[in-house]
Protein backbone atom coordinates (compact mmCIF):
# COMPACT_ATOMS: atom_id res chain seq x y z
CA MET A 1 17.53 39.58 -35.00
CA ALA A 2 15.51 36.66 -33.64
CA HIS A 3 11.88 37.22 -32.62
CA TRP A 4 10.11 34.86 -30.27
CA ARG A 5 6.35 34.55 -29.94
CA ILE A 6 5.04 32.50 -27.03
CA PHE A 7 1.65 30.87 -27.48
CA GLU A 8 -0.31 29.90 -24.38
CA LEU A 9 -3.83 28.46 -24.41
CA TRP A 10 -6.06 29.19 -21.41
CA TYR A 11 -8.94 26.88 -20.50
CA GLY A 12 -11.64 26.83 -17.87
CA PRO A 13 -12.22 24.08 -15.27
CA LEU A 14 -12.82 20.47 -16.31
CA THR A 15 -13.94 17.16 -14.84
CA ILE A 16 -12.25 13.90 -15.82
CA GLY A 17 -14.35 10.75 -15.64
CA HIS A 18 -12.22 8.23 -17.54
CA GLY A 19 -8.62 7.36 -18.29
CA ILE A 20 -6.90 10.14 -20.24
CA SER A 21 -3.55 11.77 -20.95
CA ILE A 22 -3.48 15.57 -21.17
CA GLN A 23 -0.23 16.92 -22.59
CA GLY A 24 0.18 20.69 -22.22
CA HIS A 25 3.95 20.75 -22.87
CA GLY A 26 4.18 24.10 -21.11
CA PHE A 27 1.79 25.91 -23.45
CA ALA A 28 -1.58 25.17 -21.81
CA ALA A 29 -3.07 26.75 -18.70
CA ILE A 30 -6.24 26.33 -16.66
CA ILE A 31 -7.58 29.16 -14.53
CA GLN A 32 -10.24 28.67 -11.85
CA THR A 33 -11.57 31.75 -10.13
CA SER A 34 -14.63 30.17 -8.45
CA GLY A 35 -14.35 29.23 -4.80
CA SER A 36 -16.70 26.24 -5.15
CA ASP A 37 -14.87 23.96 -7.57
CA ALA A 38 -11.45 22.69 -8.51
CA ALA A 39 -9.70 23.57 -11.74
CA ILE A 40 -9.42 19.84 -12.50
CA THR A 41 -11.69 17.33 -10.76
CA ILE A 42 -10.96 13.63 -11.22
CA ASN A 43 -13.89 11.25 -10.69
CA SER A 44 -12.77 8.11 -12.46
CA ALA A 45 -13.01 4.37 -11.95
CA ILE A 46 -10.30 2.64 -9.92
CA GLY A 47 -9.04 0.84 -13.03
CA ASN A 48 -8.44 4.07 -14.95
CA ASP A 49 -5.14 5.96 -15.13
CA ILE A 50 -4.80 9.72 -15.69
CA SER A 51 -1.70 11.63 -16.77
CA LEU A 52 -1.42 15.44 -16.64
CA ASN A 53 1.76 16.89 -18.13
CA GLY A 54 3.04 20.42 -18.65
CA LEU A 55 0.12 22.47 -17.30
CA LEU A 56 -0.03 25.82 -15.53
CA ILE A 57 -3.00 25.69 -13.14
CA ASP A 58 -3.86 29.00 -11.44
CA GLY A 59 -6.55 29.74 -8.88
CA ALA A 60 -6.19 33.53 -9.16
CA GLY A 61 -6.41 33.76 -5.36
CA SER A 62 -10.01 32.52 -5.10
CA GLY A 63 -10.21 29.08 -6.73
CA LEU A 64 -10.66 26.25 -4.22
CA SER A 65 -8.19 23.58 -5.42
CA GLY A 66 -5.98 23.03 -8.42
CA ILE A 67 -6.36 19.26 -8.88
CA GLN A 68 -8.96 17.41 -6.81
CA VAL A 69 -8.73 13.61 -7.02
CA ASN A 70 -11.84 11.87 -5.68
CA SER A 71 -11.34 8.51 -7.38
CA ALA A 72 -8.91 6.99 -9.89
CA GLY A 73 -6.57 4.08 -10.33
CA GLY A 74 -3.34 5.97 -10.86
CA VAL A 75 -2.73 9.69 -11.32
CA GLN A 76 0.48 11.16 -12.75
CA ILE A 77 1.13 14.91 -12.44
CA LEU A 78 4.30 15.85 -14.30
CA ASN A 79 6.03 19.15 -15.11
CA CYS A 80 3.19 21.32 -13.77
CA VAL A 81 2.91 24.61 -11.86
CA ILE A 82 -0.07 24.81 -9.48
CA ARG A 83 -0.57 28.05 -7.58
CA HIS A 84 -2.85 30.62 -5.95
CA PHE A 85 -5.60 28.30 -4.61
CA THR A 86 -7.34 28.77 -1.27
CA ASN A 87 -7.51 25.10 -0.25
CA ALA A 88 -4.81 23.00 -1.95
CA GLY A 89 -2.72 22.90 -5.07
CA ILE A 90 -3.19 19.12 -5.27
CA SER A 91 -5.80 17.39 -3.11
CA PHE A 92 -5.54 13.60 -3.34
CA THR A 93 -8.49 12.21 -1.36
CA PRO A 94 -9.63 8.95 -3.01
CA ALA A 95 -12.73 7.40 -1.48
CA ASP A 96 -11.75 3.81 -2.33
CA GLY A 97 -8.70 1.95 -3.49
CA PRO A 98 -6.23 0.86 -4.45
CA SER A 99 -5.20 4.26 -5.77
CA SER A 100 -1.81 5.83 -6.42
CA LEU A 101 -0.33 9.26 -7.09
CA LEU A 102 2.92 10.30 -8.74
CA VAL A 103 3.95 13.97 -8.69
CA SER A 104 7.26 14.79 -10.37
CA ASP A 105 9.05 17.97 -11.52
CA THR A 106 6.14 20.06 -10.26
CA ALA A 107 5.76 23.24 -8.16
CA ALA A 108 2.84 23.76 -5.78
CA SER A 109 3.18 27.30 -4.48
CA TYR A 110 1.29 30.23 -2.95
CA ASN A 111 -1.76 28.23 -1.91
CA GLY A 112 -3.87 29.45 0.99
CA ILE A 113 -1.55 32.21 2.18
CA ALA A 114 -4.20 33.68 4.48
CA GLY A 115 -5.74 30.37 5.65
CA GLN A 116 -5.10 26.64 5.80
CA GLY A 117 -3.95 26.05 2.23
CA THR A 118 -1.65 23.16 1.36
CA GLY A 119 0.66 22.64 -1.58
CA ILE A 120 0.01 18.88 -1.79
CA ASN A 121 -2.61 17.23 0.45
CA ILE A 122 -2.72 13.41 0.59
CA ASN A 123 -5.66 12.31 2.71
CA PRO A 124 -7.50 9.13 1.62
CA VAL A 125 -11.16 8.92 2.63
CA ASN A 126 -12.40 5.81 4.47
CA ALA A 127 -8.82 4.53 4.87
CA ALA A 128 -8.55 3.68 1.18
CA SER A 129 -5.41 1.80 0.12
CA THR A 130 -3.31 4.71 -1.12
CA ASN A 131 0.32 5.22 -2.02
CA ALA A 132 2.08 8.27 -3.42
CA THR A 133 5.48 9.25 -4.76
CA LEU A 134 6.70 12.86 -4.67
CA ASN A 135 9.91 13.34 -6.64
CA ARG A 136 11.58 16.65 -7.47
CA ILE A 137 8.64 18.73 -6.28
CA THR A 138 8.81 22.22 -4.80
CA ALA A 139 6.18 23.12 -2.20
CA ASN A 140 6.83 26.69 -1.09
CA ASN A 141 4.94 29.69 0.25
CA ASN A 142 1.84 27.70 1.22
CA GLN A 143 0.50 27.33 4.75
CA TYR A 144 1.44 23.62 4.69
CA GLY A 145 3.91 22.36 2.08
CA VAL A 146 2.99 18.66 2.05
CA ALA A 147 0.34 17.14 4.34
CA VAL A 148 -0.20 13.37 4.71
CA ALA A 149 -2.88 11.67 6.80
CA LEU A 150 -4.76 8.43 7.46
CA SER A 151 -3.57 5.27 5.66
CA ALA A 152 -1.43 6.91 2.98
CA SER A 153 2.11 5.67 2.40
CA VAL A 154 4.28 8.25 0.68
CA MET A 155 7.81 8.23 -0.74
CA ILE A 156 9.24 11.78 -0.62
CA ALA A 157 12.61 12.18 -2.33
CA ASN A 158 14.67 14.97 -3.93
CA ASN A 159 12.23 17.69 -2.91
CA VAL A 160 12.19 21.21 -1.48
CA MET A 161 9.60 22.32 1.09
CA SER A 162 10.33 25.89 2.10
CA ASN A 163 8.82 29.15 3.31
CA ASN A 164 5.52 27.54 4.33
CA GLY A 165 3.77 29.38 7.12
CA LYS A 166 2.87 26.43 9.34
CA SER A 167 4.90 23.40 8.26
CA GLY A 168 6.97 21.98 5.44
CA LEU A 169 5.88 18.36 5.96
CA SER A 170 2.93 17.45 8.16
CA MET A 171 2.09 13.84 9.14
CA GLU A 172 -1.13 13.07 10.96
CA SER A 173 -3.51 10.27 11.93
CA GLY A 174 -1.50 7.26 10.83
CA GLY A 175 0.13 8.36 7.60
CA THR A 176 3.60 6.99 6.77
CA ALA A 177 6.33 8.81 4.85
CA TRP A 178 9.77 7.75 3.63
CA LEU A 179 11.94 10.86 3.43
CA GLY A 180 15.24 11.16 1.56
CA THR A 181 17.52 13.79 -0.03
CA SER A 182 15.08 16.62 0.64
CA ALA A 183 15.55 20.18 1.87
CA ILE A 184 13.05 21.50 4.42
CA SER A 185 13.79 25.02 5.58
CA ASN A 186 12.33 28.41 6.50
CA ASN A 187 8.99 26.93 7.59
CA GLY A 188 7.12 27.44 10.83
CA ILE A 189 7.74 23.76 11.64
CA GLY A 190 10.02 21.80 9.34
CA VAL A 191 8.57 18.31 9.92
CA TRP A 192 5.47 17.98 12.09
CA VAL A 193 4.69 14.40 13.23
CA ASN A 194 1.38 14.26 15.06
CA GLY A 195 -1.45 11.89 15.90
CA GLY A 196 0.18 8.56 15.02
CA GLY A 197 1.90 9.56 11.79
CA THR A 198 5.36 8.15 11.01
CA VAL A 199 8.27 9.73 9.13
CA ASN A 200 11.07 7.31 8.23
CA SER A 201 14.17 9.38 7.44
CA TYR A 202 17.19 8.08 5.54
CA GLY A 203 19.33 10.66 7.35
CA ASN A 204 20.44 12.51 4.22
CA ASN A 205 17.96 15.39 4.42
CA GLN A 206 18.58 19.05 5.20
CA ILE A 207 16.04 20.01 7.86
CA ASN A 208 17.18 23.31 9.31
CA GLY A 209 16.48 27.01 9.44
CA ASN A 210 12.87 26.49 10.50
CA THR A 211 11.33 28.12 13.55
CA THR A 212 11.10 24.55 14.89
CA ASP A 213 12.94 21.97 12.81
CA VAL A 214 11.09 18.84 14.02
CA SER A 215 7.97 18.59 16.17
CA GLY A 216 7.49 14.97 17.25
CA SER A 217 10.12 12.46 16.20
CA LEU A 218 11.69 10.98 13.08
CA THR A 219 12.42 7.27 12.70
CA ARG A 220 15.94 6.80 11.35
CA VAL A 221 16.29 4.09 8.69
CA SER A 222 19.48 3.09 6.91
CA PRO A 223 19.90 3.08 3.11
CA GLN A 224 20.48 -0.40 1.74
């Protein structure tokens, strides 16, 4: 008979101030129960790159944010589960640029159920030059699945945004998204385009089963 023993290492919150690669490989977790800080705060120089791989990040229902990016050159978040925060699972708000974000094979779930919580929030401060790629992410059971604002340009492909109380994808104040092969369903509003935001849709998405599928308008673009 085979016996399996699963080892998981739990850590407290940390602040990253330089380029680093943290490889959890599914066996490392960070828990943040304080409402005043993030589990991981990134305050790094624009030239520095950060990679986070294979982490479980849990706010236990009272932590503020899972990953808070204030400044960095490039941030990669791969193969992670980020859940149970009151503000956001991932909050990408760089104060200067250029700065970029890649989130892949990651779930941001159950954030801010009773309030304004967002699975992934992309909102550059001071109109910093910011771009982001979201690939194979699941944003479900938040208040907002993915929220994009200001000058951010975001590629959103192969994703699921479902069962979010207010919206699956929210675009505001000038943000631009390119949306392809994604399922957006069972949200209050599927895609919410408001305040000058733009969603360019390749026309191969499944946006249905929401209370309101689209509020505002999508710009249809053709695949090349």
